[in-house]
Amino acid sequence: GQIETINNTKPGHYLTLANPGTGKSVLLLSKAYRLVSLNKNAKVLITCYNTNLKEHHRIFSEHSGLRTSNITVDSFFHYILTHLTKNGLMPSRISSLSDEDDKYNKSVDEFNRCVVEGKITPEFDAVFIDEVQLLENWQNLANTLRLQENVDVYLTGSNAFLLSSDLATLFGGRVFEIPIFPFSFAEYVKYYSLHDNPDKAFDSYVKQG
């Protein structure tokens, strides 16, 4: 089950592909907090494709009951813009762009180039990218992060858009695929703390899964 998967995952690069609603985002978040609980000095980035999903992850982190001071939650685009600007590496030709899509793509390319050239050193021990298929031009950056020493990369995505074999090729075959299944009823009750009313919990499980 998912709980066992979280506890048994070893350091490395991981890919989780599943259909919507199977809990892959919860798995990713839970794994991030699991890493922090095992290593209080670990620095973790949880990133995603937009601010709405980021806000969902932030709320989850605040209510997780786990230490989160060394976990950064940010949207992919905002993180890149902030990092380039903070390091004085944001070219004016990019910052002045009015088209957001063009600005995003050029910013990702610039960030990737700076990492490859050693101008930016990843500050995290693990980078979690949720719903990666929704991010344009993510492949090269994810692979660049994978090539950095002591940085683990965790990806989740929809198997309707991504093929694990293609991503394994992208990562040079150095990727572990995590099988993901919906919560069992026992896991659902445990995760949402619904032990007091089993009948009500089961109705909720049938409706929401």
Protein backbone atom coordinates (compact mmCIF):
# COMPACT_ATOMS: atom_id res chain seq x y z
CA GLY A 1 0.00 0.00 0.00
CA GLN A 2 0.91 3.66 -0.12
CA ILE A 3 2.05 3.85 3.50
CA GLU A 4 4.50 1.00 2.99
CA THR A 5 5.75 2.66 -0.20
CA ILE A 6 6.49 5.87 1.69
CA ASN A 7 8.37 4.07 4.43
CA ASN A 8 10.33 1.73 2.17
CA THR A 9 11.50 4.20 -0.48
CA LYS A 10 15.30 4.47 -0.54
CA PRO A 11 17.35 7.51 -1.65
CA GLY A 12 17.52 7.97 -5.42
CA HIS A 13 15.49 9.33 -8.31
CA TYR A 14 11.85 8.29 -8.39
CA LEU A 15 9.00 8.46 -10.84
CA THR A 16 5.37 7.99 -9.84
CA LEU A 17 2.84 7.71 -12.67
CA ALA A 18 -0.83 7.12 -11.98
CA ASN A 19 -4.34 8.14 -12.96
CA PRO A 20 -5.95 11.21 -11.36
CA GLY A 21 -7.36 10.59 -7.90
CA THR A 22 -5.05 7.73 -6.95
CA GLY A 23 -3.16 9.78 -4.36
CA LYS A 24 0.17 10.32 -6.10
CA SER A 25 0.41 13.91 -4.85
CA VAL A 26 -0.24 12.77 -1.29
CA LEU A 27 2.44 10.13 -1.75
CA LEU A 28 4.92 12.74 -2.96
CA LEU A 29 4.17 15.10 -0.06
CA SER A 30 4.26 12.34 2.50
CA LYS A 31 7.61 11.15 1.17
CA ALA A 32 9.00 14.67 1.49
CA TYR A 33 7.99 14.85 5.14
CA ARG A 34 9.27 11.35 5.70
CA LEU A 35 12.71 12.43 4.46
CA VAL A 36 12.69 15.39 6.80
CA SER A 37 11.64 13.28 9.75
CA LEU A 38 14.58 10.94 9.10
CA ASN A 39 17.12 13.71 8.50
CA LYS A 40 16.53 16.95 10.38
CA ASN A 41 19.21 18.68 8.29
CA ALA A 42 17.69 17.77 4.93
CA LYS A 43 16.53 20.63 2.73
CA VAL A 44 13.61 19.80 0.49
CA LEU A 45 11.88 21.67 -2.33
CA ILE A 46 8.29 20.79 -3.19
CA THR A 47 7.29 22.45 -6.43
CA CYS A 48 4.39 22.27 -8.86
CA TYR A 49 2.96 23.94 -11.91
CA ASN A 50 0.78 26.72 -10.47
CA THR A 51 -0.02 28.74 -7.37
CA ASN A 52 -3.30 26.93 -6.64
CA LEU A 53 -1.59 23.56 -6.30
CA LYS A 54 1.23 25.22 -4.36
CA GLU A 55 -1.31 26.62 -1.91
CA HIS A 56 -2.83 23.17 -1.49
CA HIS A 57 0.59 21.74 -0.68
CA ARG A 58 1.34 24.61 1.70
CA ILE A 59 -1.86 24.00 3.66
CA PHE A 60 -1.07 20.29 3.79
CA SER A 61 2.37 21.06 5.18
CA GLU A 62 0.97 23.37 7.86
CA HIS A 63 -1.46 20.72 9.06
CA SER A 64 0.86 17.75 8.76
CA GLY A 65 2.14 17.98 12.33
CA LEU A 66 5.68 17.40 11.05
CA ARG A 67 8.64 19.71 11.08
CA THR A 68 8.48 21.86 7.96
CA SER A 69 10.95 24.69 8.57
CA ASN A 70 13.42 23.16 6.12
CA ILE A 71 10.84 22.41 3.43
CA THR A 72 10.22 25.02 0.73
CA VAL A 73 6.90 24.92 -1.13
CA ASP A 74 6.73 27.02 -4.28
CA SER A 75 5.42 27.05 -7.81
CA PHE A 76 8.01 26.01 -10.38
CA PHE A 77 8.02 29.32 -12.24
CA HIS A 78 8.17 31.49 -9.11
CA TYR A 79 11.01 29.45 -7.67
CA ILE A 80 13.09 29.82 -10.83
CA LEU A 81 12.42 33.56 -11.12
CA THR A 82 13.28 34.12 -7.46
CA HIS A 83 16.46 32.05 -7.66
CA LEU A 84 17.74 33.79 -10.80
CA THR A 85 16.97 37.24 -9.41
CA LYS A 86 18.48 36.50 -5.99
CA ASN A 87 21.73 35.40 -7.62
CA GLY A 88 21.82 38.36 -10.00
CA LEU A 89 21.48 36.06 -12.99
CA MET A 90 18.19 37.24 -14.48
CA PRO A 91 18.98 38.89 -17.85
CA SER A 92 17.02 42.06 -18.56
CA ARG A 93 16.04 40.60 -21.93
CA ILE A 94 14.00 38.01 -20.00
CA SER A 95 12.73 40.07 -17.06
CA SER A 96 11.33 42.68 -19.46
CA LEU A 97 9.26 40.18 -21.44
CA SER A 98 5.51 40.78 -21.25
CA ASP A 99 4.44 37.40 -22.62
CA GLU A 100 4.30 35.07 -19.61
CA ASP A 101 4.73 31.87 -21.63
CA ASP A 102 7.80 33.23 -23.40
CA LYS A 103 9.17 34.52 -20.09
CA TYR A 104 8.63 31.13 -18.47
CA ASN A 105 10.36 29.15 -21.22
CA LYS A 106 13.35 31.48 -21.41
CA SER A 107 13.66 31.56 -17.61
CA VAL A 108 13.74 27.76 -17.43
CA ASP A 109 16.39 27.67 -20.16
CA GLU A 110 18.46 30.30 -18.33
CA PHE A 111 18.14 28.52 -14.98
CA ASN A 112 19.15 25.24 -16.57
CA ARG A 113 22.18 26.86 -18.23
CA CYS A 114 23.27 28.46 -14.95
CA VAL A 115 23.07 25.12 -13.13
CA VAL A 116 25.04 23.34 -15.87
CA GLU A 117 27.72 26.04 -15.84
CA GLY A 118 27.97 25.96 -12.05
CA LYS A 119 26.67 29.51 -11.56
CA ILE A 120 23.83 28.13 -9.45
CA THR A 121 24.30 25.25 -7.07
CA PRO A 122 21.11 23.45 -6.08
CA GLU A 123 20.44 24.24 -2.42
CA PHE A 124 18.25 21.21 -1.77
CA ASP A 125 18.95 17.60 -0.98
CA ALA A 126 15.73 16.53 -2.67
CA VAL A 127 13.48 18.16 -5.27
CA PHE A 128 9.87 17.03 -5.60
CA ILE A 129 8.06 18.07 -8.78
CA ASP A 130 4.32 17.35 -8.75
CA GLU A 131 2.24 16.86 -11.93
CA VAL A 132 5.38 17.26 -14.00
CA GLN A 133 3.57 16.76 -17.33
CA LEU A 134 1.92 20.18 -16.89
CA LEU A 135 5.27 21.97 -16.91
CA GLU A 136 6.64 22.93 -20.28
CA ASN A 137 10.32 22.41 -20.91
CA TRP A 138 10.87 20.53 -17.65
CA GLN A 139 12.79 17.56 -19.04
CA ASN A 140 16.22 19.13 -19.37
CA LEU A 141 16.03 20.83 -16.00
CA ALA A 142 14.93 17.65 -14.24
CA ASN A 143 17.79 15.77 -15.84
CA THR A 144 20.26 18.52 -14.93
CA LEU A 145 19.16 18.30 -11.29
CA ARG A 146 19.50 14.53 -11.47
CA LEU A 147 23.13 14.89 -12.53
CA GLN A 148 24.00 17.06 -9.52
CA GLU A 149 25.71 15.30 -6.63
CA ASN A 150 23.56 14.51 -3.60
CA VAL A 151 20.29 15.73 -5.14
CA ASP A 152 17.41 13.27 -5.35
CA VAL A 153 14.64 14.02 -7.84
CA TYR A 154 11.07 12.84 -7.31
CA LEU A 155 8.51 13.25 -10.08
CA THR A 156 4.79 12.56 -10.19
CA GLY A 157 2.69 12.68 -13.33
CA SER A 158 -0.27 11.31 -15.19
CA ASN A 159 0.27 8.05 -17.02
CA ALA A 160 -2.18 9.32 -19.62
CA PHE A 161 0.47 11.81 -20.79
CA LEU A 162 3.81 10.26 -19.83
CA LEU A 163 5.42 6.91 -20.43
CA SER A 164 7.72 5.53 -17.75
CA SER A 165 10.00 4.06 -20.42
CA ASP A 166 10.51 7.50 -21.99
CA LEU A 167 11.32 9.08 -18.64
CA ALA A 168 13.66 6.25 -17.72
CA THR A 169 15.51 6.96 -20.96
CA LEU A 170 15.62 10.67 -20.10
CA PHE A 171 17.17 9.86 -16.73
CA GLY A 172 19.72 7.55 -18.28
CA GLY A 173 17.93 4.51 -16.87
CA ARG A 174 18.69 5.65 -13.30
CA VAL A 175 15.12 5.94 -12.13
CA PHE A 176 12.93 3.88 -9.81
CA GLU A 177 9.28 3.55 -10.72
CA ILE A 178 6.84 3.55 -7.79
CA PRO A 179 3.61 1.59 -8.32
CA ILE A 180 0.69 3.59 -6.97
CA PHE A 181 -2.77 2.38 -6.06
CA PRO A 182 -5.75 4.13 -4.44
CA PHE A 183 -5.91 4.11 -0.65
CA SER A 184 -7.27 0.94 0.85
CA PHE A 185 -10.11 1.57 3.31
CA ALA A 186 -7.75 0.94 6.23
CA GLU A 187 -5.23 3.44 4.84
CA TYR A 188 -8.00 5.98 4.19
CA VAL A 189 -9.23 5.74 7.79
CA LYS A 190 -5.70 6.00 9.16
CA TYR A 191 -4.68 8.92 6.96
CA TYR A 192 -7.80 11.01 7.67
CA SER A 193 -8.14 9.89 11.34
CA LEU A 194 -11.68 8.56 10.90
CA HIS A 195 -11.56 5.76 13.46
CA ASP A 196 -14.50 7.01 15.57
CA ASN A 197 -17.28 6.35 13.05
CA PRO A 198 -16.49 3.43 10.69
CA ASP A 199 -19.85 3.61 8.87
CA LYS A 200 -19.49 7.30 8.10
CA ALA A 201 -15.86 6.74 7.15
CA PHE A 202 -16.85 4.00 4.71
CA ASP A 203 -19.51 6.21 3.07
CA SER A 204 -16.89 8.91 2.63
CA TYR A 205 -14.40 6.39 1.26
CA VAL A 206 -16.89 5.12 -1.34
CA LYS A 207 -17.66 8.67 -2.49
CA GLN A 208 -14.15 10.12 -2.41
CA GLY A 209 -11.80 7.13 -2.51
